[in-house]
N, C-alpha and C. Protein backbone atom coordinates (compact mmCIF):
# COMPACT_ATOMS: atom_id res chain seq x y z
N MET A 1 141.80 29.51 252.41
CA MET A 1 141.19 30.77 252.68
C MET A 1 141.82 31.83 251.77
N GLN A 2 141.03 32.47 250.97
CA GLN A 2 141.51 33.46 250.02
C GLN A 2 141.44 34.85 250.63
N HIS A 3 142.48 35.62 250.41
CA HIS A 3 142.51 37.01 250.84
C HIS A 3 142.62 37.88 249.60
N LYS A 4 142.01 39.04 249.64
CA LYS A 4 142.18 39.97 248.55
C LYS A 4 143.57 40.58 248.63
N HIS A 5 144.20 40.68 247.50
CA HIS A 5 145.52 41.29 247.43
C HIS A 5 145.41 42.61 246.69
N SER A 6 145.85 43.66 247.35
CA SER A 6 145.84 44.96 246.70
C SER A 6 147.05 45.07 245.78
N PHE A 7 147.08 46.14 245.03
CA PHE A 7 148.19 46.39 244.12
C PHE A 7 149.50 46.52 244.90
N VAL A 8 149.45 47.20 246.03
CA VAL A 8 150.65 47.38 246.87
C VAL A 8 151.12 46.04 247.42
N ASP A 9 150.18 45.17 247.80
CA ASP A 9 150.55 43.83 248.29
C ASP A 9 151.31 43.06 247.22
N ARG A 10 150.82 43.13 246.00
CA ARG A 10 151.48 42.41 244.90
C ARG A 10 152.87 42.98 244.64
N ILE A 11 153.02 44.30 244.75
CA ILE A 11 154.34 44.91 244.57
C ILE A 11 155.29 44.43 245.66
N GLU A 12 154.83 44.43 246.91
CA GLU A 12 155.69 43.98 248.02
C GLU A 12 156.08 42.52 247.85
N GLU A 13 155.10 41.67 247.51
CA GLU A 13 155.39 40.25 247.32
C GLU A 13 156.38 40.04 246.18
N THR A 14 156.21 40.79 245.10
CA THR A 14 157.11 40.66 243.97
C THR A 14 158.51 41.12 244.33
N LEU A 15 158.62 42.25 245.04
CA LEU A 15 159.94 42.73 245.46
C LEU A 15 160.64 41.73 246.37
N MET A 16 159.89 41.15 247.30
CA MET A 16 160.50 40.16 248.20
C MET A 16 160.96 38.93 247.43
N ALA A 17 160.17 38.48 246.49
CA ALA A 17 160.56 37.32 245.68
C ALA A 17 161.78 37.63 244.82
N ILE A 18 161.82 38.82 244.25
CA ILE A 18 162.98 39.21 243.44
C ILE A 18 164.23 39.28 244.30
N LEU A 19 164.11 39.85 245.49
CA LEU A 19 165.28 39.95 246.38
C LEU A 19 165.80 38.57 246.77
N ILE A 20 164.89 37.66 247.10
CA ILE A 20 165.33 36.30 247.46
C ILE A 20 166.01 35.63 246.27
N GLY A 21 165.42 35.78 245.10
CA GLY A 21 166.00 35.18 243.90
C GLY A 21 167.36 35.76 243.56
N LEU A 22 167.50 37.09 243.63
CA LEU A 22 168.79 37.71 243.34
C LEU A 22 169.85 37.34 244.37
N MET A 23 169.45 37.25 245.63
CA MET A 23 170.40 36.83 246.66
C MET A 23 170.91 35.42 246.36
N THR A 24 170.01 34.54 245.95
CA THR A 24 170.40 33.17 245.64
C THR A 24 171.34 33.12 244.44
N VAL A 25 171.02 33.86 243.40
CA VAL A 25 171.84 33.86 242.18
C VAL A 25 173.22 34.45 242.45
N VAL A 26 173.27 35.57 243.15
CA VAL A 26 174.56 36.21 243.42
C VAL A 26 175.43 35.32 244.30
N THR A 27 174.84 34.73 245.33
CA THR A 27 175.61 33.84 246.20
C THR A 27 176.09 32.61 245.45
N PHE A 28 175.22 32.03 244.64
CA PHE A 28 175.61 30.84 243.86
C PHE A 28 176.72 31.20 242.87
N ALA A 29 176.62 32.34 242.20
CA ALA A 29 177.65 32.76 241.26
C ALA A 29 178.99 32.97 241.97
N ASN A 30 178.93 33.52 243.18
CA ASN A 30 180.17 33.73 243.93
C ASN A 30 180.79 32.41 244.35
N VAL A 31 179.98 31.44 244.74
CA VAL A 31 180.50 30.12 245.10
C VAL A 31 181.15 29.46 243.89
N ILE A 32 180.48 29.54 242.74
CA ILE A 32 181.05 28.96 241.51
C ILE A 32 182.36 29.66 241.15
N ALA A 33 182.38 30.98 241.26
CA ALA A 33 183.60 31.72 240.95
C ALA A 33 184.73 31.36 241.91
N ARG A 34 184.38 31.21 243.18
CA ARG A 34 185.40 30.95 244.19
C ARG A 34 185.98 29.54 244.07
N PHE A 35 185.11 28.53 243.95
CA PHE A 35 185.59 27.15 243.93
C PHE A 35 185.85 26.62 242.53
N GLY A 36 185.18 27.17 241.54
CA GLY A 36 185.39 26.69 240.17
C GLY A 36 186.52 27.39 239.45
N PHE A 37 186.68 28.68 239.70
CA PHE A 37 187.66 29.47 238.95
C PHE A 37 188.73 30.11 239.85
N ASN A 38 188.70 29.77 241.15
CA ASN A 38 189.66 30.31 242.12
C ASN A 38 189.71 31.84 242.06
N SER A 39 188.54 32.43 241.94
CA SER A 39 188.41 33.87 241.87
C SER A 39 187.33 34.29 242.86
N ASN A 40 186.93 35.55 242.81
CA ASN A 40 185.94 36.02 243.76
C ASN A 40 185.20 37.19 243.12
N ILE A 41 183.91 37.28 243.41
CA ILE A 41 183.14 38.46 243.03
C ILE A 41 183.20 39.39 244.23
N LEU A 42 183.93 40.48 244.10
CA LEU A 42 184.23 41.33 245.25
C LEU A 42 182.99 41.93 245.90
N TRP A 43 182.01 42.29 245.13
CA TRP A 43 180.85 43.00 245.65
C TRP A 43 179.71 42.07 246.03
N ALA A 44 179.88 40.77 245.88
CA ALA A 44 178.78 39.82 246.10
C ALA A 44 178.28 39.83 247.54
N LEU A 45 179.19 39.80 248.49
CA LEU A 45 178.78 39.76 249.89
C LEU A 45 178.07 41.05 250.29
N GLU A 46 178.60 42.19 249.88
CA GLU A 46 177.98 43.47 250.22
C GLU A 46 176.59 43.58 249.61
N LEU A 47 176.46 43.16 248.37
CA LEU A 47 175.15 43.21 247.71
C LEU A 47 174.15 42.28 248.40
N THR A 48 174.60 41.10 248.79
CA THR A 48 173.73 40.16 249.47
C THR A 48 173.28 40.71 250.82
N VAL A 49 174.19 41.33 251.56
CA VAL A 49 173.84 41.92 252.85
C VAL A 49 172.84 43.06 252.65
N PHE A 50 173.06 43.90 251.66
CA PHE A 50 172.16 45.01 251.36
C PHE A 50 170.76 44.50 250.99
N MET A 51 170.71 43.48 250.12
CA MET A 51 169.41 42.92 249.73
C MET A 51 168.73 42.24 250.91
N PHE A 52 169.51 41.57 251.76
CA PHE A 52 168.92 40.91 252.92
C PHE A 52 168.30 41.94 253.87
N GLY A 53 168.99 43.06 254.05
CA GLY A 53 168.44 44.11 254.90
C GLY A 53 167.10 44.61 254.38
N TRP A 54 167.02 44.86 253.08
CA TRP A 54 165.75 45.30 252.49
C TRP A 54 164.69 44.21 252.58
N LEU A 55 165.11 42.96 252.42
CA LEU A 55 164.16 41.86 252.52
C LEU A 55 163.58 41.77 253.93
N VAL A 56 164.41 41.96 254.94
CA VAL A 56 163.93 41.93 256.33
C VAL A 56 162.95 43.06 256.57
N LEU A 57 163.30 44.27 256.14
CA LEU A 57 162.42 45.42 256.36
C LEU A 57 161.10 45.28 255.62
N LEU A 58 161.16 44.86 254.36
CA LEU A 58 159.92 44.66 253.59
C LEU A 58 159.09 43.52 254.18
N GLY A 59 159.75 42.43 254.54
CA GLY A 59 159.03 41.29 255.09
C GLY A 59 158.38 41.60 256.42
N ALA A 60 159.07 42.35 257.26
CA ALA A 60 158.50 42.71 258.56
C ALA A 60 157.29 43.61 258.39
N SER A 61 157.40 44.61 257.53
CA SER A 61 156.25 45.51 257.33
C SER A 61 155.08 44.77 256.70
N TYR A 62 155.37 43.85 255.78
CA TYR A 62 154.31 43.07 255.14
C TYR A 62 153.63 42.16 256.16
N ALA A 63 154.43 41.54 257.03
CA ALA A 63 153.85 40.65 258.04
C ALA A 63 152.99 41.41 259.04
N VAL A 64 153.42 42.62 259.41
CA VAL A 64 152.62 43.43 260.32
C VAL A 64 151.30 43.80 259.64
N LYS A 65 151.37 44.20 258.38
CA LYS A 65 150.17 44.60 257.67
C LYS A 65 149.18 43.44 257.53
N LYS A 66 149.69 42.23 257.33
CA LYS A 66 148.84 41.06 257.15
C LYS A 66 148.54 40.33 258.45
N HIS A 67 149.00 40.88 259.57
CA HIS A 67 148.81 40.25 260.89
C HIS A 67 149.38 38.84 260.91
N SER A 68 150.55 38.68 260.33
CA SER A 68 151.20 37.37 260.25
C SER A 68 152.34 37.19 261.22
N HIS A 69 152.62 38.20 262.03
CA HIS A 69 153.70 38.08 263.00
C HIS A 69 153.29 37.13 264.11
N LEU A 70 154.27 36.38 264.59
CA LEU A 70 154.03 35.55 265.76
C LEU A 70 154.05 36.46 266.98
N GLY A 71 153.13 36.26 267.85
CA GLY A 71 153.09 37.09 269.04
C GLY A 71 152.75 36.26 270.26
N VAL A 72 153.29 36.68 271.39
CA VAL A 72 152.97 36.05 272.65
C VAL A 72 152.06 37.03 273.39
N ASP A 73 150.81 36.66 273.55
CA ASP A 73 149.85 37.58 274.15
C ASP A 73 149.31 37.08 275.48
N ALA A 74 150.08 36.25 276.16
CA ALA A 74 149.62 35.71 277.44
C ALA A 74 149.44 36.82 278.46
N ILE A 75 150.39 37.74 278.52
CA ILE A 75 150.29 38.84 279.50
C ILE A 75 149.18 39.80 279.08
N ILE A 76 149.08 40.08 277.81
CA ILE A 76 148.05 41.00 277.31
C ILE A 76 146.66 40.46 277.64
N ASN A 77 146.49 39.16 277.57
CA ASN A 77 145.18 38.56 277.87
C ASN A 77 144.84 38.60 279.36
N MET A 78 145.85 38.78 280.21
CA MET A 78 145.62 38.78 281.66
C MET A 78 145.30 40.16 282.22
N VAL A 79 145.56 41.22 281.46
CA VAL A 79 145.37 42.58 281.98
C VAL A 79 144.10 43.20 281.39
N SER A 80 143.72 44.32 281.96
CA SER A 80 142.53 45.02 281.48
C SER A 80 142.78 45.64 280.10
N PRO A 81 141.73 45.95 279.35
CA PRO A 81 141.91 46.57 278.04
C PRO A 81 142.70 47.89 278.10
N ALA A 82 142.48 48.68 279.13
CA ALA A 82 143.21 49.95 279.25
C ALA A 82 144.71 49.70 279.43
N THR A 83 145.05 48.73 280.27
CA THR A 83 146.46 48.39 280.48
C THR A 83 147.06 47.79 279.22
N ALA A 84 146.30 46.96 278.53
CA ALA A 84 146.77 46.37 277.28
C ALA A 84 147.05 47.47 276.25
N ARG A 85 146.20 48.47 276.22
CA ARG A 85 146.41 49.59 275.29
C ARG A 85 147.69 50.35 275.63
N ILE A 86 147.93 50.60 276.91
CA ILE A 86 149.15 51.28 277.34
C ILE A 86 150.38 50.45 276.98
N MET A 87 150.30 49.13 277.21
CA MET A 87 151.41 48.25 276.86
C MET A 87 151.66 48.27 275.35
N GLY A 88 150.58 48.33 274.57
CA GLY A 88 150.72 48.42 273.11
C GLY A 88 151.41 49.70 272.69
N ILE A 89 151.05 50.82 273.33
CA ILE A 89 151.68 52.10 273.02
C ILE A 89 153.16 52.07 273.38
N ILE A 90 153.49 51.48 274.51
CA ILE A 90 154.90 51.36 274.90
C ILE A 90 155.66 50.50 273.90
N SER A 91 155.03 49.42 273.45
CA SER A 91 155.65 48.55 272.46
C SER A 91 155.92 49.28 271.15
N VAL A 92 154.95 50.05 270.69
CA VAL A 92 155.12 50.82 269.45
C VAL A 92 156.22 51.87 269.63
N ALA A 93 156.27 52.51 270.80
CA ALA A 93 157.31 53.50 271.07
C ALA A 93 158.70 52.86 271.03
N CYS A 94 158.82 51.67 271.60
CA CYS A 94 160.10 50.96 271.56
C CYS A 94 160.50 50.63 270.12
N CYS A 95 159.53 50.22 269.32
CA CYS A 95 159.81 49.92 267.91
C CYS A 95 160.25 51.17 267.16
N LEU A 96 159.62 52.30 267.45
CA LEU A 96 160.01 53.55 266.80
C LEU A 96 161.42 53.98 267.21
N VAL A 97 161.76 53.84 268.49
CA VAL A 97 163.11 54.17 268.95
C VAL A 97 164.12 53.26 268.27
N PHE A 98 163.82 51.98 268.17
CA PHE A 98 164.70 51.04 267.49
C PHE A 98 164.88 51.44 266.03
N SER A 99 163.80 51.87 265.37
CA SER A 99 163.89 52.29 263.97
C SER A 99 164.79 53.51 263.82
N VAL A 100 164.70 54.44 264.76
CA VAL A 100 165.57 55.62 264.72
C VAL A 100 167.03 55.20 264.88
N PHE A 101 167.30 54.27 265.80
CA PHE A 101 168.67 53.77 265.97
C PHE A 101 169.16 53.09 264.70
N MET A 102 168.29 52.32 264.06
CA MET A 102 168.66 51.66 262.80
C MET A 102 168.97 52.70 261.72
N LEU A 103 168.16 53.73 261.64
CA LEU A 103 168.39 54.79 260.66
C LEU A 103 169.72 55.49 260.93
N LYS A 104 169.99 55.80 262.18
CA LYS A 104 171.26 56.44 262.55
C LYS A 104 172.43 55.53 262.23
N GLY A 105 172.31 54.25 262.56
CA GLY A 105 173.38 53.30 262.27
C GLY A 105 173.60 53.14 260.77
N ALA A 106 172.53 53.11 260.00
CA ALA A 106 172.67 53.00 258.56
C ALA A 106 173.32 54.24 257.97
N TYR A 107 172.97 55.41 258.50
CA TYR A 107 173.58 56.66 258.03
C TYR A 107 175.08 56.68 258.36
N ASP A 108 175.43 56.25 259.57
CA ASP A 108 176.84 56.22 259.96
C ASP A 108 177.62 55.20 259.12
N TYR A 109 177.00 54.07 258.82
CA TYR A 109 177.65 53.04 258.02
C TYR A 109 177.86 53.50 256.59
N TRP A 110 176.90 54.25 256.08
CA TRP A 110 176.98 54.72 254.70
C TRP A 110 178.07 55.74 254.58
């Protein structure tokens, strides 16, 4: 099944692929440095964590946009459409509150 990919979709997919590739290269280089040369790349772990965070955020937003998230909708299917809508609004509100906490935590960490 073919889907049309917009320009933004291609940018997101490319960024995610680049992040995965860079994470692999940096981690592999650090392993080689550590076990092959008894040294260490000091910034490798921090860079990998930073890239992983961006990969998670980009991947989650991409999956939501493409409706690729796994979801359990057993309860939603049992309630009326009005109740399902209210539950959806509550769910979105929880996600927004979580995002604010993440932003605050990232600001404090920085």
